[in-house]
PDB file of N, CA and C in Angstrom:
ATOM      1  N   MET A   1     153.547 106.837 129.152  1.00  0.00           N
ATOM      2  CA  MET A   1     154.168 106.875 130.453  1.00  0.00           C
ATOM      3  C   MET A   1     153.551 107.978 131.284  1.00  0.00           C
ATOM      4  N   LYS A   2     153.330 107.648 132.513  1.00  0.00           N
ATOM      5  CA  LYS A   2     152.821 108.643 133.446  1.00  0.00           C
ATOM      6  C   LYS A   2     153.870 108.828 134.536  1.00  0.00           C
ATOM      7  N   TRP A   3     154.066 110.064 134.915  1.00  0.00           N
ATOM      8  CA  TRP A   3     155.099 110.421 135.889  1.00  0.00           C
ATOM      9  C   TRP A   3     154.451 110.872 137.183  1.00  0.00           C
ATOM     10  N   TYR A   4     154.992 110.395 138.273  1.00  0.00           N
ATOM     11  CA  TYR A   4     154.516 110.786 139.592  1.00  0.00           C
ATOM     12  C   TYR A   4     154.780 112.271 139.776  1.00  0.00           C
ATOM     13  N   ASN A   5     153.794 112.998 140.285  1.00  0.00           N
ATOM     14  CA  ASN A   5     153.920 114.451 140.435  1.00  0.00           C
ATOM     15  C   ASN A   5     155.102 114.853 141.322  1.00  0.00           C
ATOM     16  N   ASP A   6     155.315 114.122 142.397  1.00  0.00           N
ATOM     17  CA  ASP A   6     156.441 114.399 143.302  1.00  0.00           C
ATOM     18  C   ASP A   6     157.502 113.309 143.111  1.00  0.00           C
ATOM     19  N   LEU A   7     157.980 113.200 141.898  1.00  0.00           N
ATOM     20  CA  LEU A   7     158.911 112.154 141.500  1.00  0.00           C
ATOM     21  C   LEU A   7     160.065 112.021 142.489  1.00  0.00           C
ATOM     22  N   TYR A   8     160.336 110.791 142.907  1.00  0.00           N
ATOM     23  CA  TYR A   8     161.485 110.507 143.762  1.00  0.00           C
ATOM     24  C   TYR A   8     162.710 110.418 142.861  1.00  0.00           C
ATOM     25  N   VAL A   9     163.720 111.226 143.155  1.00  0.00           N
ATOM     26  CA  VAL A   9     164.910 111.322 142.309  1.00  0.00           C
ATOM     27  C   VAL A   9     166.147 111.236 143.190  1.00  0.00           C
ATOM     28  N   SER A  10     167.084 110.386 142.815  1.00  0.00           N
ATOM     29  CA  SER A  10     168.329 110.296 143.583  1.00  0.00           C
ATOM     30  C   SER A  10     169.231 111.482 143.250  1.00  0.00           C
ATOM     31  N   ASP A  11     170.132 111.781 144.168  1.00  0.00           N
ATOM     32  CA  ASP A  11     171.015 112.943 144.015  1.00  0.00           C
ATOM     33  C   ASP A  11     171.875 112.878 142.758  1.00  0.00           C
ATOM     34  N   ASP A  12     172.240 111.663 142.340  1.00  0.00           N
ATOM     35  CA  ASP A  12     173.141 111.546 141.189  1.00  0.00           C
ATOM     36  C   ASP A  12     172.498 111.939 139.864  1.00  0.00           C
ATOM     37  N   VAL A  13     171.174 111.903 139.763  1.00  0.00           N
ATOM     38  CA  VAL A  13     170.512 112.296 138.516  1.00  0.00           C
ATOM     39  C   VAL A  13     169.713 113.591 138.643  1.00  0.00           C
ATOM     40  N   ALA A  14     169.578 114.104 139.859  1.00  0.00           N
ATOM     41  CA  ALA A  14     168.759 115.293 140.095  1.00  0.00           C
ATOM     42  C   ALA A  14     169.114 116.488 139.201  1.00  0.00           C
ATOM     43  N   PRO A  15     170.415 116.800 139.006  1.00  0.00           N
ATOM     44  CA  PRO A  15     170.734 117.980 138.194  1.00  0.00           C
ATOM     45  C   PRO A  15     170.308 117.858 136.729  1.00  0.00           C
ATOM     46  N   LYS A  16     170.123 116.639 136.252  1.00  0.00           N
ATOM     47  CA  LYS A  16     169.788 116.456 134.835  1.00  0.00           C
ATOM     48  C   LYS A  16     168.479 115.693 134.640  1.00  0.00           C
ATOM     49  N   ILE A  17     167.583 115.753 135.633  1.00  0.00           N
ATOM     50  CA  ILE A  17     166.365 114.958 135.584  1.00  0.00           C
ATOM     51  C   ILE A  17     165.450 115.358 134.429  1.00  0.00           C
ATOM     52  N   THR A  18     165.367 116.627 134.106  1.00  0.00           N
ATOM     53  CA  THR A  18     164.505 117.063 132.996  1.00  0.00           C
ATOM     54  C   THR A  18     164.965 116.437 131.683  1.00  0.00           C
ATOM     55  N   LYS A  19     166.264 116.437 131.437  1.00  0.00           N
ATOM     56  CA  LYS A  19     166.807 115.825 130.214  1.00  0.00           C
ATOM     57  C   LYS A  19     166.597 114.316 130.224  1.00  0.00           C
ATOM     58  N   ILE A  20     166.766 113.701 131.371  1.00  0.00           N
ATOM     59  CA  ILE A  20     166.584 112.251 131.474  1.00  0.00           C
ATOM     60  C   ILE A  20     165.136 111.869 131.187  1.00  0.00           C
ATOM     61  N   ILE A  21     164.200 112.605 131.751  1.00  0.00           N
ATOM     62  CA  ILE A  21     162.781 112.325 131.502  1.00  0.00           C
ATOM     63  C   ILE A  21     162.477 112.446 130.015  1.00  0.00           C
ATOM     64  N   LYS A  22     162.972 113.483 129.389  1.00  0.00           N
ATOM     65  CA  LYS A  22     162.746 113.692 127.946  1.00  0.00           C
ATOM     66  C   LYS A  22     163.322 112.526 127.145  1.00  0.00           C
ATOM     67  N   LYS A  23     164.527 112.079 127.489  1.00  0.00           N
ATOM     68  CA  LYS A  23     165.151 110.970 126.761  1.00  0.00           C
ATOM     69  C   LYS A  23     164.383 109.668 126.971  1.00  0.00           C
ATOM     70  N   ILE A  24     163.884 109.451 128.180  1.00  0.00           N
ATOM     71  CA  ILE A  24     163.084 108.245 128.437  1.00  0.00           C
ATOM     72  C   ILE A  24     161.817 108.290 127.592  1.00  0.00           C
ATOM     73  N   GLU A  25     161.146 109.416 127.589  1.00  0.00           N
ATOM     74  CA  GLU A  25     159.914 109.547 126.809  1.00  0.00           C
ATOM     75  C   GLU A  25     160.157 109.401 125.314  1.00  0.00           C
ATOM     76  N   ASP A  26     161.325 109.838 124.850  1.00  0.00           N
ATOM     77  CA  ASP A  26     161.667 109.737 123.427  1.00  0.00           C
ATOM     78  C   ASP A  26     162.217 108.365 123.055  1.00  0.00           C
ATOM     79  N   GLY A  27     162.380 107.482 124.043  1.00  0.00           N
ATOM     80  CA  GLY A  27     162.870 106.132 123.759  1.00  0.00           C
ATOM     81  C   GLY A  27     164.357 106.062 123.465  1.00  0.00           C
ATOM     82  N   LYS A  28     165.113 107.038 123.925  1.00  0.00           N
ATOM     83  CA  LYS A  28     166.566 107.040 123.716  1.00  0.00           C
ATOM     84  C   LYS A  28     167.219 105.974 124.595  1.00  0.00           C
ATOM     85  N   ILE A  29     168.371 105.514 124.176  1.00  0.00           N
ATOM     86  CA  ILE A  29     169.141 104.566 124.976  1.00  0.00           C
ATOM     87  C   ILE A  29     169.884 105.340 126.055  1.00  0.00           C
ATOM     88  N   LEU A  30     169.709 104.893 127.298  1.00  0.00           N
ATOM     89  CA  LEU A  30     170.365 105.531 128.436  1.00  0.00           C
ATOM     90  C   LEU A  30     171.101 104.471 129.230  1.00  0.00           C
ATOM     91  N   VAL A  31     172.364 104.709 129.462  1.00  0.00           N
ATOM     92  CA  VAL A  31     173.175 103.775 130.228  1.00  0.00           C
ATOM     93  C   VAL A  31     173.129 104.179 131.697  1.00  0.00           C
ATOM     94  N   GLY A  32     172.872 103.211 132.551  1.00  0.00           N
ATOM     95  CA  GLY A  32     172.920 103.464 133.988  1.00  0.00           C
ATOM     96  C   GLY A  32     171.774 104.286 134.539  1.00  0.00           C
ATOM     97  N   VAL A  33     170.617 104.230 133.915  1.00  0.00           N
ATOM     98  CA  VAL A  33     169.449 104.928 134.446  1.00  0.00           C
ATOM     99  C   VAL A  33     168.385 103.884 134.766  1.00  0.00           C
ATOM    100  N   TYR A  34     167.904 103.930 135.986  1.00  0.00           N
ATOM    101  CA  TYR A  34     166.893 102.987 136.471  1.00  0.00           C
ATOM    102  C   TYR A  34     165.665 103.759 136.922  1.00  0.00           C
ATOM    103  N   VAL A  35     164.509 103.112 136.805  1.00  0.00           N
ATOM    104  CA  VAL A  35     163.274 103.731 137.253  1.00  0.00           C
ATOM    105  C   VAL A  35     162.525 102.786 138.191  1.00  0.00           C
ATOM    106  N   ILE A  36     161.718 103.383 139.042  1.00  0.00           N
ATOM    107  CA  ILE A  36     160.809 102.649 139.915  1.00  0.00           C
ATOM    108  C   ILE A  36     159.412 102.902 139.383  1.00  0.00           C
ATOM    109  N   THR A  37     158.652 101.835 139.190  1.00  0.00           N
ATOM    110  CA  THR A  37     157.289 101.974 138.701  1.00  0.00           C
ATOM    111  C   THR A  37     156.320 101.275 139.641  1.00  0.00           C
ATOM    112  N   LEU A  38     155.055 101.671 139.549  1.00  0.00           N
ATOM    113  CA  LEU A  38     154.034 100.858 140.185  1.00  0.00           C
ATOM    114  C   LEU A  38     154.062  99.507 139.481  1.00  0.00           C
ATOM    115  N   SER A  39     153.953  98.452 140.230  1.00  0.00           N
ATOM    116  CA  SER A  39     154.041  97.119 139.655  1.00  0.00           C
ATOM    117  C   SER A  39     152.848  96.829 138.743  1.00  0.00           C
ATOM    118  N   ALA A  40     153.121  96.186 137.618  1.00  0.00           N
ATOM    119  CA  ALA A  40     152.055  95.749 136.722  1.00  0.00           C
ATOM    120  C   ALA A  40     151.266  94.614 137.362  1.00  0.00           C
ATOM    121  N   ASN A  41     151.917  93.884 138.250  1.00  0.00           N
ATOM    122  CA  ASN A  41     151.300  92.799 138.994  1.00  0.00           C
ATOM    123  C   ASN A  41     150.598  93.413 140.199  1.00  0.00           C
ATOM    124  N   LYS A  42     149.305  93.286 140.285  1.00  0.00           N
ATOM    125  CA  LYS A  42     148.527  93.936 141.352  1.00  0.00           C
ATOM    126  C   LYS A  42     148.837  93.398 142.744  1.00  0.00           C
ATOM    127  N   LYS A  43     149.499  92.246 142.838  1.00  0.00           N
ATOM    128  CA  LYS A  43     149.869  91.704 144.143  1.00  0.00           C
ATOM    129  C   LYS A  43     151.111  92.378 144.706  1.00  0.00           C
ATOM    130  N   ASP A  44     151.925  92.952 143.844  1.00  0.00           N
ATOM    131  CA  ASP A  44     153.153  93.617 144.265  1.00  0.00           C
ATOM    132  C   ASP A  44     152.943  95.126 144.289  1.00  0.00           C
ATOM    133  N   ASN A  45     153.901  95.825 144.848  1.00  0.00           N
ATOM    134  CA  ASN A  45     153.791  97.280 144.934  1.00  0.00           C
ATOM    135  C   ASN A  45     154.609  98.007 143.879  1.00  0.00           C
ATOM    136  N   LEU A  46     155.907  97.715 143.833  1.00  0.00           N
ATOM    137  CA  LEU A  46     156.817  98.464 142.968  1.00  0.00           C
ATOM    138  C   LEU A  46     157.729  97.525 142.192  1.00  0.00           C
ATOM    139  N   ASP A  47     158.180  97.994 141.029  1.00  0.00           N
ATOM    140  CA  ASP A  47     159.178  97.288 140.228  1.00  0.00           C
ATOM    141  C   ASP A  47     160.319  98.243 139.925  1.00  0.00           C
ATOM    142  N   ILE A  48     161.503  97.698 139.722  1.00  0.00           N
ATOM    143  CA  ILE A  48     162.671  98.482 139.309  1.00  0.00           C
ATOM    144  C   ILE A  48     163.097  97.978 137.934  1.00  0.00           C
ATOM    145  N   TYR A  49     163.288  98.911 137.013  1.00  0.00           N
ATOM    146  CA  TYR A  49     163.695  98.586 135.647  1.00  0.00           C
ATOM    147  C   TYR A  49     164.902  99.417 135.253  1.00  0.00           C
ATOM    148  N   GLN A  50     165.755  98.844 134.436  1.00  0.00           N
ATOM    149  CA  GLN A  50     166.750  99.620 133.714  1.00  0.00           C
ATOM    150  C   GLN A  50     165.972 100.156 132.519  1.00  0.00           C
ATOM    151  N   VAL A  51     166.001 101.455 132.256  1.00  0.00           N
ATOM    152  CA  VAL A  51     165.090 102.067 131.286  1.00  0.00           C
ATOM    153  C   VAL A  51     165.182 101.479 129.880  1.00  0.00           C
ATOM    154  N   ASN A  52     166.308 100.915 129.517  1.00  0.00           N
ATOM    155  CA  ASN A  52     166.413 100.343 128.179  1.00  0.00           C
ATOM    156  C   ASN A  52     165.522  99.124 128.001  1.00  0.00           C
ATOM    157  N   GLU A  53     165.048  98.534 129.095  1.00  0.00           N
ATOM    158  CA  GLU A  53     164.096  97.428 128.986  1.00  0.00           C
ATOM    159  C   GLU A  53     162.817  97.878 128.296  1.00  0.00           C
ATOM    160  N   PHE A  54     162.468  99.140 128.409  1.00  0.00           N
ATOM    161  CA  PHE A  54     161.235  99.659 127.810  1.00  0.00           C
ATOM    162  C   PHE A  54     161.278  99.659 126.289  1.00  0.00           C
ATOM    163  N   LYS A  55     162.427  99.422 125.703  1.00  0.00           N
ATOM    164  CA  LYS A  55     162.549  99.361 124.254  1.00  0.00           C
ATOM    165  C   LYS A  55     162.022  98.030 123.702  1.00  0.00           C
ATOM    166  N   GLN A  56     161.826  97.041 124.560  1.00  0.00           N
ATOM    167  CA  GLN A  56     161.305  95.754 124.129  1.00  0.00           C
ATOM    168  C   GLN A  56     159.827  95.893 123.735  1.00  0.00           C
ATOM    169  N   ASN A  57     159.410  95.104 122.760  1.00  0.00           N
ATOM    170  CA  ASN A  57     158.041  95.175 122.258  1.00  0.00           C
ATOM    171  C   ASN A  57     157.000  94.995 123.356  1.00  0.00           C
ATOM    172  N   TYR A  58     157.304  94.174 124.338  1.00  0.00           N
ATOM    173  CA  TYR A  58     156.359  93.896 125.419  1.00  0.00           C
ATOM    174  C   TYR A  58     155.861  95.181 126.082  1.00  0.00           C
ATOM    175  N   TYR A  59     156.719  96.177 126.197  1.00  0.00           N
ATOM    176  CA  TYR A  59     156.384  97.406 126.920  1.00  0.00           C
ATOM    177  C   TYR A  59     155.746  98.487 126.048  1.00  0.00           C
ATOM    178  N   LYS A  60     155.720  98.293 124.758  1.00  0.00           N
ATOM    179  CA  LYS A  60     155.236  99.337 123.854  1.00  0.00           C
ATOM    180  C   LYS A  60     153.792  99.747 124.145  1.00  0.00           C
ATOM    181  N   ASP A  61     152.946  98.795 124.498  1.00  0.00           N
ATOM    182  CA  ASP A  61     151.536  99.087 124.748  1.00  0.00           C
ATOM    183  C   ASP A  61     151.190  99.149 126.231  1.00  0.00           C
ATOM    184  N   LYS A  62     152.194  99.092 127.083  1.00  0.00           N
ATOM    185  CA  LYS A  62     151.965  99.112 128.528  1.00  0.00           C
ATOM    186  C   LYS A  62     151.995 100.551 129.051  1.00  0.00           C
ATOM    187  N   GLU A  63     151.079 100.838 129.960  1.00  0.00           N
ATOM    188  CA  GLU A  63     151.084 102.132 130.625  1.00  0.00           C
ATOM    189  C   GLU A  63     151.972 101.998 131.854  1.00  0.00           C
ATOM    190  N   MET A  64     153.079 102.715 131.874  1.00  0.00           N
ATOM    191  CA  MET A  64     154.025 102.647 132.977  1.00  0.00           C
ATOM    192  C   MET A  64     153.832 103.869 133.868  1.00  0.00           C
ATOM    193  N   TYR A  65     153.723 103.623 135.159  1.00  0.00           N
ATOM    194  CA  TYR A  65     153.555 104.679 136.142  1.00  0.00           C
ATOM    195  C   TYR A  65     154.872 104.823 136.902  1.00  0.00           C
ATOM    196  N   ILE A  66     155.662 105.809 136.524  1.00  0.00           N
ATOM    197  CA  ILE A  66     157.007 105.971 137.061  1.00  0.00           C
ATOM    198  C   ILE A  66     156.965 106.865 138.301  1.00  0.00           C
ATOM    199  N   VAL A  67     157.513 106.334 139.407  1.00  0.00           N
ATOM    200  CA  VAL A  67     157.512 107.083 140.668  1.00  0.00           C
ATOM    201  C   VAL A  67     158.906 107.525 141.101  1.00  0.00           C
ATOM    202  N   GLY A  68     159.957 106.941 140.495  1.00  0.00           N
ATOM    203  CA  GLY A  68     161.310 107.299 140.894  1.00  0.00           C
ATOM    204  C   GLY A  68     162.324 107.059 139.805  1.00  0.00           C
ATOM    205  N   VAL A  69     163.430 107.806 139.856  1.00  0.00           N
ATOM    206  CA  VAL A  69     164.522 107.689 138.888  1.00  0.00           C
ATOM    207  C   VAL A  69     165.843 107.771 139.632  1.00  0.00           C
ATOM    208  N   SER A  70     166.777 106.901 139.240  1.00  0.00           N
ATOM    209  CA  SER A  70     168.109 106.905 139.848  1.00  0.00           C
ATOM    210  C   SER A  70     169.147 106.510 138.804  1.00  0.00           C
ATOM    211  N   GLY A  71     170.396 106.766 139.146  1.00  0.00           N
ATOM    212  CA  GLY A  71     171.503 106.408 138.272  1.00  0.00           C
ATOM    213  C   GLY A  71     172.066 105.031 138.565  1.00  0.00           C
ATOM    214  N   SER A  72     171.430 104.290 139.475  1.00  0.00           N
ATOM    215  CA  SER A  72     171.890 102.933 139.786  1.00  0.00           C
ATOM    216  C   SER A  72     170.755 102.145 140.417  1.00  0.00           C
ATOM    217  N   LYS A  73     170.898 100.841 140.380  1.00  0.00           N
ATOM    218  CA  LYS A  73     169.901  99.989 141.018  1.00  0.00           C
ATOM    219  C   LYS A  73     169.922 100.195 142.533  1.00  0.00           C
ATOM    220  N   LYS A  74     171.109 100.332 143.088  1.00  0.00           N
ATOM    221  CA  LYS A  74     171.239 100.585 144.520  1.00  0.00           C
ATOM    222  C   LYS A  74     170.541 101.896 144.891  1.00  0.00           C
ATOM    223  N   GLY A  75     170.684 102.901 144.038  1.00  0.00           N
ATOM    224  CA  GLY A  75     170.004 104.169 144.273  1.00  0.00           C
ATOM    225  C   GLY A  75     168.493 104.002 144.280  1.00  0.00           C
ATOM    226  N   CYS A  76     167.985 103.145 143.398  1.00  0.00           N
ATOM    227  CA  CYS A  76     166.545 102.873 143.382  1.00  0.00           C
ATOM    228  C   CYS A  76     166.107 102.183 144.666  1.00  0.00           C
ATOM    229  N   ILE A  77     166.918 101.271 145.150  1.00  0.00           N
ATOM    230  CA  ILE A  77     166.582 100.586 146.399  1.00  0.00           C
ATOM    231  C   ILE A  77     166.499 101.598 147.539  1.00  0.00           C
ATOM    232  N   ASN A  78     167.414 102.548 147.561  1.00  0.00           N
ATOM    233  CA  ASN A  78     167.366 103.597 148.582  1.00  0.00           C
ATOM    234  C   ASN A  78     166.122 104.475 148.431  1.00  0.00           C
ATOM    235  N   LEU A  79     165.723 104.730 147.175  1.00  0.00           N
ATOM    236  CA  LEU A  79     164.506 105.507 146.953  1.00  0.00           C
ATOM    237  C   LEU A  79     163.276 104.727 147.411  1.00  0.00           C
ATOM    238  N   VAL A  80     163.266 103.419 147.185  1.00  0.00           N
ATOM    239  CA  VAL A  80     162.150 102.595 147.654  1.00  0.00           C
ATOM    240  C   VAL A  80     162.049 102.674 149.178  1.00  0.00           C
ATOM    241  N   LYS A  81     163.193 102.635 149.849  1.00  0.00           N
ATOM    242  CA  LYS A  81     163.189 102.784 151.311  1.00  0.00           C
ATOM    243  C   LYS A  81     162.553 104.114 151.712  1.00  0.00           C
ATOM    244  N   LYS A  82     162.883 105.171 150.982  1.00  0.00           N
ATOM    245  CA  LYS A  82     162.318 106.494 151.276  1.00  0.00           C
ATOM    246  C   LYS A  82     160.815 106.506 151.025  1.00  0.00           C
ATOM    247  N   ILE A  83     160.376 105.877 149.947  1.00  0.00           N
ATOM    248  CA  ILE A  83     158.945 105.812 149.638  1.00  0.00           C
ATOM    249  C   ILE A  83     158.195 105.089 150.754  1.00  0.00           C
ATOM    250  N   VAL A  84     158.746 103.961 151.203  1.00  0.00           N
ATOM    251  CA  VAL A  84     158.120 103.196 152.285  1.00  0.00           C
ATOM    252  C   VAL A  84     158.066 104.039 153.553  1.00  0.00           C
ATOM    253  N   TYR A  85     159.157 104.710 153.877  1.00  0.00           N
ATOM    254  CA  TYR A  85     159.198 105.575 155.059  1.00  0.00           C
ATOM    255  C   TYR A  85     158.155 106.689 154.963  1.00  0.00           C
ATOM    256  N   ASP A  86     158.090 107.358 153.793  1.00  0.00           N
ATOM    257  CA  ASP A  86     157.139 108.449 153.601  1.00  0.00           C
ATOM    258  C   ASP A  86     155.695 107.955 153.708  1.00  0.00           C
ATOM    259  N   CYS A  87     155.436 106.785 153.158  1.00  0.00           N
ATOM    260  CA  CYS A  87     154.099 106.189 153.219  1.00  0.00           C
ATOM    261  C   CYS A  87     153.701 105.927 154.670  1.00  0.00           C
ATOM    262  N   TYR A  88     154.599 105.307 155.416  1.00  0.00           N
ATOM    263  CA  TYR A  88     154.292 104.989 156.809  1.00  0.00           C
ATOM    264  C   TYR A  88     154.127 106.266 157.643  1.00  0.00           C
ATOM    265  N   LYS A  89     154.986 107.235 157.388  1.00  0.00           N
ATOM    266  CA  LYS A  89     154.942 108.491 158.138  1.00  0.00           C
ATOM    267  C   LYS A  89     153.608 109.217 157.897  1.00  0.00           C
ATOM    268  N   LYS A  90     153.149 109.183 156.659  1.00  0.00           N
ATOM    269  CA  LYS A  90     151.921 109.911 156.320  1.00  0.00           C
ATOM    270  C   LYS A  90     150.655 109.129 156.692  1.00  0.00           C
ATOM    271  N   ASN A  91     150.636 107.820 156.400  1.00  0.00           N
ATOM    272  CA  ASN A  91     149.406 107.038 156.534  1.00  0.00           C
ATOM    273  C   ASN A  91     149.404 106.037 157.682  1.00  0.00           C
ATOM    274  N   GLY A  92     150.576 105.764 158.265  1.00  0.00           N
ATOM    275  CA  GLY A  92     150.642 104.791 159.334  1.00  0.00           C
ATOM    276  C   GLY A  92     150.518 103.357 158.865  1.00  0.00           C
ATOM    277  N   ASP A  93     150.698 103.148 157.559  1.00  0.00           N
ATOM    278  CA  ASP A  93     150.662 101.790 157.008  1.00  0.00           C
ATOM    279  C   ASP A  93     151.666 101.692 155.858  1.00  0.00           C
ATOM    280  N   TYR A  94     151.687 100.518 155.241  1.00  0.00           N
ATOM    281  CA  TYR A  94     152.634 100.289 154.140  1.00  0.00           C
ATOM    282  C   TYR A  94     151.908 100.050 152.822  1.00  0.00           C
ATOM    283  N   ASN A  95     150.742 100.612 152.660  1.00  0.00           N
ATOM    284  CA  ASN A  95     149.993 100.449 151.423  1.00  0.00           C
ATOM    285  C   ASN A  95     150.521 101.442 150.386  1.00  0.00           C
ATOM    286  N   LEU A  96     151.581 101.042 149.713  1.00  0.00           N
ATOM    287  CA  LEU A  96     152.265 101.940 148.777  1.00  0.00           C
ATOM    288  C   LEU A  96     151.388 102.314 147.593  1.00  0.00           C
ATOM    289  N   ARG A  97     150.579 101.381 147.112  1.00  0.00           N
ATOM    290  CA  ARG A  97     149.712 101.681 145.962  1.00  0.00           C
ATOM    291  C   ARG A  97     148.746 102.815 146.285  1.00  0.00           C
ATOM    292  N   THR A  98     148.143 102.761 147.452  1.00  0.00           N
ATOM    293  CA  THR A  98     147.227 103.823 147.857  1.00  0.00           C
ATOM    294  C   THR A  98     147.980 105.133 148.042  1.00  0.00           C
ATOM    295  N   PHE A  99     149.127 105.067 148.674  1.00  0.00           N
ATOM    296  CA  PHE A  99     149.952 106.242 148.930  1.00  0.00           C
ATOM    297  C   PHE A  99     150.353 106.941 147.631  1.00  0.00           C
ATOM    298  N   LEU A 100     150.709 106.173 146.605  1.00  0.00           N
ATOM    299  CA  LEU A 100     151.223 106.735 145.364  1.00  0.00           C
ATOM    300  C   LEU A 100     150.163 106.968 144.291  1.00  0.00           C
ATOM    301  N   SER A 101     149.078 106.231 144.325  1.00  0.00           N
ATOM    302  CA  SER A 101     148.139 106.210 143.197  1.00  0.00           C
ATOM    303  C   SER A 101     147.507 107.553 142.858  1.00  0.00           C
ATOM    304  N   GLY A 102     147.327 108.426 143.807  1.00  0.00           N
ATOM    305  CA  GLY A 102     146.708 109.709 143.517  1.00  0.00           C
ATOM    306  C   GLY A 102     147.656 110.766 142.992  1.00  0.00           C
ATOM    307  N   GLY A 103     148.921 110.444 142.836  1.00  0.00           N
ATOM    308  CA  GLY A 103     149.911 111.448 142.482  1.00  0.00           C
ATOM    309  C   GLY A 103     150.328 111.499 141.035  1.00  0.00           C
ATOM    310  N   PHE A 104     149.487 111.010 140.110  1.00  0.00           N
ATOM    311  CA  PHE A 104     149.859 110.991 138.707  1.00  0.00           C
ATOM    312  C   PHE A 104     148.983 111.957 137.920  1.00  0.00           C
ATOM    313  N   ASN A 105     149.588 112.564 136.893  1.00  0.00           N
ATOM    314  CA  ASN A 105     148.827 113.466 135.997  1.00  0.00           C
ATOM    315  C   ASN A 105     147.887 112.660 135.127  1.00  0.00           C
TER     316      ASN A 105
END
């Protein structure tokens, strides 16, 4: 898993984001935690997952690029709105992949 350097985090998980990241990386079961990733499908920009989906075998060998974390799906949708706004404000376009791609370790 690769984490966006300026990770988008909703207010509900911000106080415990370090612990949440550690639990996600360790494959722990987390209830009510969602992430935003760069889409595996090159035609799309972003995907939203409930983190427990990553426990499925399909994801074991996949490199996931996580750009946001929230305590709800609705929170992720709000973070996506912020990402789109930030992208447009900075670049004057909606090319989210270009906007986000340089921000990973």
